[in-house]
Protein backbone atom coordinates (compact mmCIF):
# COMPACT_ATOMS: atom_id res chain seq x y z
CA MET A 1 12.07 -13.73 20.34
CA PHE A 2 9.55 -16.14 21.84
CA LEU A 3 8.41 -19.11 19.76
CA SER A 4 5.54 -19.78 22.17
CA PHE A 5 3.79 -18.58 25.29
CA LYS A 6 5.51 -21.46 27.09
CA GLU A 7 8.85 -19.75 26.42
CA LEU A 8 7.43 -16.45 27.70
CA GLN A 9 6.24 -18.25 30.86
CA GLU A 10 9.83 -19.34 31.48
CA LYS A 11 10.75 -15.64 31.73
CA VAL A 12 7.77 -14.46 33.77
CA ASN A 13 5.20 -16.62 35.54
CA PHE A 14 1.54 -16.27 34.53
CA THR A 15 -1.60 -18.37 34.04
CA ILE A 16 -3.11 -19.08 30.63
CA LYS A 17 -5.54 -21.54 29.01
CA ASN A 18 -4.67 -23.21 25.70
CA GLU A 19 -8.16 -23.62 24.20
CA ILE A 20 -10.84 -21.94 22.10
CA ASN A 21 -13.51 -20.46 24.36
CA LEU A 22 -15.67 -17.90 22.53
CA GLY A 23 -17.35 -15.09 24.44
CA LEU A 24 -16.51 -11.55 25.53
CA ASP A 25 -17.14 -11.48 29.29
CA ARG A 26 -13.65 -12.55 30.41
CA MET A 27 -11.99 -10.04 28.11
CA GLN A 28 -14.23 -7.14 29.08
CA GLN A 29 -13.80 -7.77 32.80
CA PHE A 30 -10.03 -8.07 32.57
CA LEU A 31 -9.55 -5.07 30.24
CA GLU A 32 -11.54 -2.94 32.66
CA LYS A 33 -8.99 -3.82 35.36
CA VAL A 34 -6.11 -2.57 33.20
CA GLY A 35 -7.80 0.70 32.21
CA ASP A 36 -9.78 -0.31 29.10
CA PRO A 37 -6.89 0.29 26.65
CA GLN A 38 -9.10 -0.79 23.73
CA ASP A 39 -11.10 2.42 24.20
CA GLN A 40 -8.00 4.62 24.02
CA ILE A 41 -7.05 3.84 20.42
CA GLU A 42 -8.58 4.30 16.99
CA VAL A 43 -9.10 0.90 15.40
CA VAL A 44 -9.93 -0.59 12.02
CA HIS A 45 -11.46 -4.01 12.71
CA ILE A 46 -10.91 -6.56 9.93
CA GLY A 47 -12.83 -9.84 9.69
CA GLY A 48 -13.82 -12.33 7.02
CA THR A 49 -13.01 -15.85 5.94
CA ASN A 50 -10.23 -15.19 3.41
CA GLY A 51 -8.11 -12.19 2.56
CA LYS A 52 -8.34 -10.38 5.88
CA GLY A 53 -4.60 -10.70 6.47
CA SER A 54 -3.70 -9.42 3.01
CA THR A 55 -6.24 -6.59 3.24
CA LEU A 56 -4.72 -5.64 6.60
CA ARG A 57 -1.21 -5.63 5.11
CA PHE A 58 -2.23 -3.48 2.14
CA LEU A 59 -3.93 -0.97 4.46
CA GLU A 60 -0.98 -1.00 6.86
CA SER A 61 1.39 -0.17 4.00
CA LEU A 62 -0.84 2.67 2.74
CA LEU A 63 -1.12 4.24 6.19
CA LYS A 64 2.61 3.85 6.90
CA GLU A 65 3.37 5.51 3.57
CA ALA A 66 1.09 8.39 4.62
CA GLY A 67 3.19 8.89 7.76
CA PHE A 68 1.05 7.25 10.46
CA ALA A 69 2.24 5.12 13.37
CA VAL A 70 0.32 1.93 12.58
CA GLY A 71 -0.19 -0.85 15.10
CA VAL A 72 -1.01 -4.32 13.77
CA PHE A 73 -2.41 -7.34 15.58
CA HIS A 74 -2.81 -10.47 13.47
CA SER A 75 -3.01 -14.23 13.95
CA PRO A 76 -1.60 -16.79 13.82
CA ALA A 77 2.09 -15.94 14.20
CA TYR A 78 4.34 -16.02 11.14
CA ARG A 79 7.20 -17.40 13.22
CA PHE A 80 7.40 -15.89 16.73
CA ILE A 81 4.52 -14.84 19.00
CA ASN A 82 6.16 -11.38 19.00
CA ASP A 83 5.37 -10.92 15.30
CA GLN A 84 1.63 -10.88 15.99
CA ILE A 85 1.97 -7.43 17.58
CA SER A 86 3.90 -4.75 15.70
CA VAL A 87 4.13 -1.01 15.06
CA ASN A 88 5.21 0.09 11.58
CA GLY A 89 6.62 -3.37 10.97
CA THR A 90 8.70 -3.57 14.17
CA TYR A 91 7.66 -6.42 16.44
CA ILE A 92 7.02 -6.07 20.15
CA THR A 93 10.23 -7.00 22.00
CA ASP A 94 10.71 -9.76 24.56
CA ASP A 95 11.24 -7.14 27.28
CA GLU A 96 8.02 -5.33 26.33
CA MET A 97 6.05 -8.58 26.47
CA VAL A 98 7.46 -9.34 29.90
CA GLU A 99 6.66 -5.78 31.03
CA ILE A 100 3.01 -6.13 29.98
CA ILE A 101 2.63 -9.54 31.66
CA GLU A 102 4.03 -8.09 34.88
CA VAL A 103 1.44 -5.28 34.73
CA PHE A 104 -1.31 -7.80 33.96
CA ASN A 105 -0.23 -10.04 36.87
CA LYS A 106 -0.68 -7.09 39.24
CA HIS A 107 -4.25 -6.69 37.93
CA GLY A 108 -5.43 -10.27 38.43
CA LEU A 109 -4.33 -12.12 35.30
CA SER A 110 -4.14 -15.40 37.21
CA GLU A 111 -7.83 -15.17 38.16
CA ALA A 112 -9.02 -13.88 34.77
CA GLY A 113 -9.06 -17.31 33.09
CA LEU A 114 -7.95 -15.89 29.73
CA THR A 115 -7.19 -18.14 26.78
CA GLU A 116 -3.95 -17.74 24.86
CA PHE A 117 -5.61 -15.68 22.13
CA GLU A 118 -7.45 -13.51 24.64
CA LEU A 119 -4.16 -12.71 26.38
CA GLN A 120 -2.52 -11.86 23.03
CA THR A 121 -5.43 -9.56 22.21
CA ALA A 122 -5.29 -7.81 25.58
CA MET A 123 -1.53 -7.36 25.20
CA ALA A 124 -2.01 -5.80 21.77
CA PHE A 125 -4.58 -3.29 23.03
CA TYR A 126 -2.34 -2.35 25.98
CA TYR A 127 0.77 -2.07 23.78
CA PHE A 128 -0.89 0.21 21.24
CA ALA A 129 -2.61 2.39 23.87
CA VAL A 130 -0.04 2.68 26.64
CA ILE A 131 3.45 1.73 25.47
CA LYS A 132 3.53 2.87 21.82
CA LYS A 133 0.50 5.20 21.59
CA VAL A 134 -0.14 4.51 17.90
CA ASP A 135 -2.15 6.75 15.55
CA ILE A 136 -4.24 3.83 14.31
CA ALA A 137 -4.42 0.10 15.07
CA LEU A 138 -5.44 -2.57 12.57
CA ILE A 139 -6.94 -5.48 14.48
CA GLU A 140 -7.59 -8.79 12.71
CA VAL A 141 -10.42 -10.98 13.98
CA GLY A 142 -9.25 -14.32 15.29
CA LEU A 143 -12.28 -16.57 14.77
CA GLY A 144 -15.72 -15.49 13.57
CA GLY A 145 -16.39 -12.00 14.89
CA ARG A 146 -19.42 -11.64 17.11
CA GLU A 147 -17.89 -13.54 20.05
CA ASP A 148 -14.24 -13.16 19.09
CA SER A 149 -12.02 -11.66 21.80
CA THR A 150 -11.08 -8.72 19.53
CA ASN A 151 -14.74 -7.63 19.44
CA VAL A 152 -14.63 -5.60 22.65
CA MET A 153 -14.14 -2.10 21.22
CA THR A 154 -15.86 0.34 18.89
CA PRO A 155 -13.71 0.81 15.78
CA ILE A 156 -13.75 3.79 13.44
CA LEU A 157 -14.15 1.42 10.48
CA SER A 158 -15.06 -2.25 10.01
CA ILE A 159 -14.08 -4.49 7.10
CA ILE A 160 -15.54 -7.92 6.27
CA THR A 161 -13.60 -9.35 3.34
CA ASN A 162 -15.87 -12.28 2.45
CA ILE A 163 -17.74 -15.27 3.87
CA GLY A 164 -16.67 -18.87 3.25
CA HIS A 165 -16.90 -22.30 4.84
CA ASP A 166 -14.42 -21.96 7.67
CA HIS A 167 -14.29 -23.25 11.26
CA ILE A 168 -17.59 -25.02 10.57
CA GLY A 169 -17.46 -26.73 13.99
CA PHE A 170 -17.57 -23.33 15.70
CA LEU A 171 -19.46 -20.98 13.37
CA GLY A 172 -22.13 -23.11 11.69
CA ARG A 173 -22.45 -24.96 8.40
CA SER A 174 -24.34 -22.50 6.17
CA VAL A 175 -22.92 -19.26 4.79
CA GLN A 176 -25.79 -17.43 6.50
CA GLU A 177 -24.78 -18.80 9.92
CA ILE A 178 -21.11 -17.97 9.32
CA ALA A 179 -22.03 -14.50 7.99
CA TYR A 180 -24.03 -13.84 11.16
CA HIS A 181 -20.90 -14.41 13.26
CA LYS A 182 -18.69 -12.31 10.95
CA ALA A 183 -21.25 -9.46 10.83
CA GLY A 184 -21.06 -9.20 14.61
CA ILE A 185 -18.11 -6.81 14.27
CA ILE A 186 -20.39 -4.14 12.73
CA LYS A 187 -20.95 -1.40 15.30
CA LYS A 188 -23.62 1.29 15.57
CA GLY A 189 -23.02 4.09 13.09
CA VAL A 190 -19.58 2.78 12.05
CA ALA A 191 -19.04 2.32 8.30
CA ILE A 192 -18.64 -1.24 7.02
CA ILE A 193 -16.70 -2.23 3.87
CA SER A 194 -17.26 -5.69 2.42
CA GLY A 195 -16.04 -7.69 -0.54
CA GLU A 196 -18.69 -10.41 -0.15
CA GLN A 197 -20.30 -11.45 -3.44
CA LYS A 198 -22.67 -14.27 -2.45
CA SER A 199 -26.16 -12.81 -2.16
CA ALA A 200 -27.17 -14.95 0.85
CA ALA A 201 -24.16 -13.84 2.90
CA LYS A 202 -24.30 -10.25 1.66
CA GLU A 203 -27.92 -9.94 2.80
CA VAL A 204 -26.92 -10.98 6.33
CA ILE A 205 -24.21 -8.29 6.40
CA LYS A 206 -26.56 -5.67 4.95
CA LYS A 207 -29.25 -6.54 7.48
CA GLU A 208 -26.79 -6.11 10.37
CA ALA A 209 -25.55 -2.81 8.91
CA SER A 210 -29.15 -1.59 8.58
CA LEU A 211 -29.95 -2.55 12.19
CA LYS A 212 -26.86 -0.66 13.38
CA LYS A 213 -27.47 2.28 11.00
CA SER A 214 -23.97 1.73 9.64
CA PRO A 215 -23.05 3.09 6.19
CA GLY A 216 -22.23 0.19 3.84
CA TYR A 217 -19.64 0.07 1.05
CA PHE A 218 -19.96 -3.15 -0.92
CA MET A 219 -17.68 -4.38 -3.69
CA GLY A 220 -19.54 -4.33 -6.97
CA GLU A 221 -21.92 -1.65 -5.69
CA GLU A 222 -20.28 1.35 -4.00
CA PHE A 223 -16.85 0.45 -5.41
CA SER A 224 -15.29 -1.97 -7.88
CA TYR A 225 -11.95 -3.05 -9.30
CA ARG A 226 -10.64 -4.53 -12.52
CA MET A 227 -7.38 -6.35 -13.22
CA GLU A 228 -5.84 -6.32 -16.69
CA ASP A 229 -2.28 -7.21 -17.70
CA GLY A 230 -1.20 -7.32 -14.07
CA LYS A 231 -2.44 -3.78 -13.35
CA VAL A 232 -5.42 -2.86 -11.18
CA SER A 233 -7.97 -0.11 -11.64
CA PHE A 234 -10.22 1.08 -8.81
CA HIS A 235 -13.55 2.86 -9.22
CA SER A 236 -15.91 4.44 -6.69
CA ALA A 237 -18.11 7.50 -6.35
CA LYS A 238 -15.32 9.07 -4.27
CA LYS A 239 -12.16 8.13 -6.23
CA ASN A 240 -11.11 6.55 -9.52
CA MET A 241 -7.60 5.24 -10.13
CA GLU A 242 -5.91 3.38 -12.98
CA GLU A 243 -2.66 1.48 -13.53
CA LEU A 244 -2.11 0.43 -9.91
CA GLU A 245 0.66 -2.12 -9.32
CA LEU A 246 0.57 -4.69 -6.50
CA SER A 247 3.48 -6.39 -4.79
CA LEU A 248 1.48 -9.46 -3.71
CA GLN A 249 1.02 -12.20 -6.29
CA GLY A 250 -2.31 -13.82 -7.17
CA GLU A 251 -5.35 -12.37 -8.89
CA TYR A 252 -7.38 -12.54 -5.66
CA GLN A 253 -5.02 -9.94 -4.20
CA ALA A 254 -6.61 -7.29 -6.44
CA ALA A 255 -9.87 -7.76 -4.50
CA ASN A 256 -8.03 -7.46 -1.18
CA ALA A 257 -6.22 -4.35 -2.38
CA SER A 258 -9.49 -2.72 -3.46
CA LEU A 259 -10.90 -3.20 0.07
CA ALA A 260 -7.80 -1.52 1.50
CA ILE A 261 -8.06 1.34 -1.02
CA MET A 262 -11.70 1.93 -0.11
CA ALA A 263 -10.72 1.92 3.58
CA TYR A 264 -7.89 4.39 2.93
CA VAL A 265 -10.24 6.71 1.02
CA LEU A 266 -12.77 6.67 3.88
CA LEU A 267 -10.12 7.21 6.55
CA MET A 268 -8.61 10.20 4.75
CA GLU A 269 -12.11 11.64 4.47
CA LYS A 270 -12.88 10.96 8.14
CA TRP A 271 -9.66 12.62 9.28
CA ASN A 272 -10.11 15.57 6.86
CA MET A 273 -6.77 14.76 5.26
CA LYS A 274 -5.67 15.25 1.66
CA PHE A 275 -5.87 12.13 -0.46
CA ASP A 276 -2.53 11.57 -2.21
CA GLU A 277 -2.57 9.07 -5.07
CA ARG A 278 1.25 8.92 -5.08
CA VAL A 279 1.18 7.71 -1.47
CA LEU A 280 -1.41 5.09 -2.36
CA LYS A 281 0.57 3.77 -5.35
CA ALA A 282 3.78 3.59 -3.32
CA GLY A 283 2.01 1.82 -0.45
CA LEU A 284 0.54 -0.86 -2.70
CA VAL A 285 3.91 -1.85 -4.19
CA LYS A 286 5.62 -1.94 -0.78
CA THR A 287 3.08 -4.31 0.84
CA GLU A 288 4.51 -7.50 2.32
CA HIS A 289 2.59 -10.48 3.66
CA PRO A 290 4.55 -13.56 4.79
CA GLY A 291 2.99 -16.92 4.03
CA ARG A 292 0.65 -15.70 1.30
CA PHE A 293 1.96 -16.97 -2.03
CA GLU A 294 5.41 -16.30 -0.61
CA LEU A 295 8.38 -17.38 -2.73
CA VAL A 296 10.94 -18.48 -0.12
CA GLN A 297 13.32 -20.08 -2.64
CA LYS A 298 13.69 -19.22 -6.32
CA GLU A 299 15.52 -22.21 -7.80
CA PRO A 300 13.86 -24.61 -7.68
CA PRO A 301 10.84 -22.63 -6.49
CA ILE A 302 9.41 -23.21 -3.02
CA ILE A 303 6.12 -21.39 -2.40
CA LEU A 304 4.32 -20.99 0.94
CA ASP A 305 0.61 -20.25 0.85
CA GLY A 306 -1.79 -20.39 3.80
CA ALA A 307 -4.77 -21.62 1.78
CA HIS A 308 -6.66 -22.85 4.83
CA ASN A 309 -10.17 -23.42 3.48
CA GLU A 310 -12.02 -24.34 0.28
CA GLU A 311 -12.29 -20.81 -1.14
CA ALA A 312 -8.62 -20.07 -0.47
CA VAL A 313 -7.59 -23.32 -2.18
CA ASP A 314 -9.74 -22.34 -5.19
CA ALA A 315 -7.84 -19.05 -5.49
CA LEU A 316 -4.49 -20.81 -5.05
CA VAL A 317 -5.28 -23.44 -7.70
CA THR A 318 -6.29 -20.73 -10.19
CA THR A 319 -3.03 -18.86 -9.59
CA MET A 320 -0.93 -22.03 -9.90
CA LYS A 321 -2.59 -23.03 -13.18
CA LYS A 322 -2.05 -19.55 -14.60
CA ASN A 323 1.60 -19.22 -13.58
CA PHE A 324 3.09 -22.71 -13.28
CA SER A 325 1.24 -24.98 -15.70
CA GLU A 326 4.54 -26.15 -17.23
CA LYS A 327 6.06 -27.19 -13.89
CA ARG A 328 5.88 -30.52 -12.06
CA ILE A 329 4.17 -29.62 -8.79
CA VAL A 330 5.00 -31.33 -5.50
CA VAL A 331 2.57 -30.39 -2.71
CA LEU A 332 3.21 -30.60 1.03
CA PHE A 333 -0.12 -30.26 2.87
CA SER A 334 -1.43 -30.15 6.42
CA ALA A 335 -4.73 -28.85 7.77
CA LEU A 336 -6.88 -28.50 10.87
CA LYS A 337 -9.64 -31.02 11.61
CA ASP A 338 -12.42 -28.39 11.55
CA LYS A 339 -11.74 -27.43 7.92
CA PRO A 340 -13.48 -28.88 4.81
CA ILE A 341 -10.47 -31.13 4.19
CA GLU A 342 -11.98 -33.41 1.56
CA MET A 343 -12.94 -30.53 -0.76
CA MET A 344 -9.57 -28.83 -0.23
CA VAL A 345 -7.61 -31.99 -1.04
CA ARG A 346 -9.67 -32.79 -4.15
CA LYS A 347 -8.88 -29.34 -5.55
CA LEU A 348 -5.16 -29.78 -4.86
CA ASP A 349 -5.28 -33.21 -6.55
CA ASP A 350 -6.17 -31.28 -9.72
CA ILE A 351 -2.81 -29.46 -9.89
CA ALA A 352 -0.43 -31.76 -8.00
CA ASP A 353 1.84 -34.37 -9.57
CA GLU A 354 2.43 -35.75 -6.11
CA ILE A 355 1.30 -34.86 -2.59
CA ILE A 356 2.91 -35.51 0.76
CA PHE A 357 0.48 -35.18 3.65
CA THR A 358 1.82 -34.32 7.07
CA SER A 359 0.81 -33.06 10.51
CA PHE A 360 2.21 -30.77 13.21
CA ASP A 361 2.04 -30.20 16.94
CA PHE A 362 -1.27 -28.40 17.37
CA PRO A 363 -4.41 -29.55 19.23
CA ARG A 364 -6.69 -29.28 16.17
CA ALA A 365 -4.23 -30.58 13.55
CA ALA A 366 -5.56 -33.45 11.42
CA ARG A 367 -3.60 -36.72 11.23
CA ALA A 368 -1.64 -37.05 8.01
CA GLU A 369 -2.78 -40.64 7.48
CA ASP A 370 -6.46 -39.62 7.71
CA VAL A 371 -6.04 -36.76 5.23
CA CYS A 372 -4.04 -38.92 2.81
CA GLN A 373 -6.97 -41.34 2.49
CA VAL A 374 -9.13 -38.52 1.09
CA SER A 375 -6.84 -37.89 -1.88
CA GLY A 376 -7.55 -39.59 -5.19
CA LEU A 377 -4.04 -38.94 -6.52
CA LEU A 378 -1.99 -42.00 -7.47
CA LYS A 379 1.29 -40.50 -6.27
CA LYS A 380 0.58 -39.70 -2.63
CA GLU A 381 2.02 -40.55 0.76
CA PHE A 382 1.91 -39.41 4.36
CA GLU A 383 4.48 -38.63 7.04
CA GLU A 384 3.20 -37.44 10.42
CA ASP A 385 6.43 -35.56 11.28
CA TRP A 386 6.46 -32.37 9.20
CA LYS A 387 10.25 -31.89 9.41
CA THR A 388 10.82 -35.33 7.87
CA ALA A 389 8.07 -34.67 5.32
CA LEU A 390 9.67 -31.34 4.36
CA GLN A 391 13.08 -32.96 3.83
CA SER A 392 11.45 -35.63 1.68
CA ALA A 393 9.56 -33.06 -0.40
CA VAL A 394 12.64 -30.89 -1.01
CA SER A 395 14.69 -33.94 -2.05
CA ARG A 396 12.27 -34.59 -4.95
CA LEU A 397 12.77 -31.21 -6.61
CA ASP A 398 14.64 -30.73 -9.87
CA ASP A 399 14.97 -27.95 -12.45
CA ASN A 400 11.49 -28.63 -13.83
CA SER A 401 9.58 -28.80 -10.54
CA LEU A 402 8.41 -26.68 -7.65
CA LEU A 403 7.30 -27.29 -4.09
CA LEU A 404 4.00 -25.82 -2.94
CA ILE A 405 3.59 -25.91 0.85
CA THR A 406 0.02 -25.13 1.82
CA GLY A 407 -2.84 -25.69 4.27
CA SER A 408 -3.21 -24.40 7.80
CA LEU A 409 -1.75 -20.99 8.62
CA TYR A 410 -0.45 -22.54 11.84
CA PHE A 411 1.35 -25.15 9.73
CA ILE A 412 2.81 -22.43 7.49
CA SER A 413 4.04 -20.67 10.63
CA GLU A 414 5.90 -23.84 11.69
CA ILE A 415 7.39 -24.28 8.21
CA ARG A 416 8.66 -20.69 8.15
CA THR A 417 10.82 -21.41 11.22
CA LYS A 418 12.76 -23.82 8.99
CA LEU A 419 12.77 -22.07 5.64
CA THR A 420 13.18 -18.36 6.46
């Protein structure tokens, strides 16, 4: 499998830009040349600051359990660029990626000026529509929503998990500004599900839904959940369920699961299909999501968690305090420059016995030395090379300690190439 688009380019020649360049014109013009594959598939579009990946994985598992061919496009990669495009858990093959690029080259890819993410998105649409012909595709927003390259189709359902301070250099500094970008995935007459709780952000989403005449299903209003003794209950006007078990760890996963349940209920209704609670229960316990509170080694424990902004770190810290308060915690951390690094680090200081700050080969990665200066912890250090930092962190573990590797999802992707 391909670790990067550079490796794919060694197999088949094509032009690509490695940058963030928001806007839909390039995508729309190029997709038209290849037959508008995005209009040939039924899509659930999933955006939000945190939890969109887990919500996607819960919904994927529910729909697979119900017998559907489910396409998934997510970002960033867990390990290989192939794993960002899959059908029922099977990644697109190297040969299929080459085949799509060859088709795209014949339709003017070199002149299209697509960024790396735009090309990935176009490949996903083409794969699901032409090569695999899936029943349903779950498409995760890359950045924001309104001008994100995934936002070129009309889905059958939209989901906005929540709004937090993320990519503040691109989306704005206030939750209202960020919510405006996220709410851009709401389409005319298409139902929107949201887990947002902050009134300022929720009002932005509701306003957009009202303008588009889109039915709204909001957590705490049209549906709700409760978690007690590790079991989840779900309540809505349409369905009520008790004693649901989840495979993904962390209390915040109950909120993500409830969004997926609400989506599953609405999809079954839309397709005039029988709702089967046994299918739902089985799907929830079979859900897998690499890099989200993922235990990659049991003794001593090594946990990977892509807590890539302030709200995600909050959820991670709560889970760590609840489950590992008796352990000595070593943290290995790296983040992107456009994240609220100072607030994230201060929260990790609260649970860490020692922190090693590192960096990785990515244009927006923060320097380890710069991030280290933010920490108020006495036992802290930095090492710019993440492989050396990882070796150092693992060497400090004993029977009473654990290693928590967290920060950027792109960093977690790099780490997984070593640990899994």
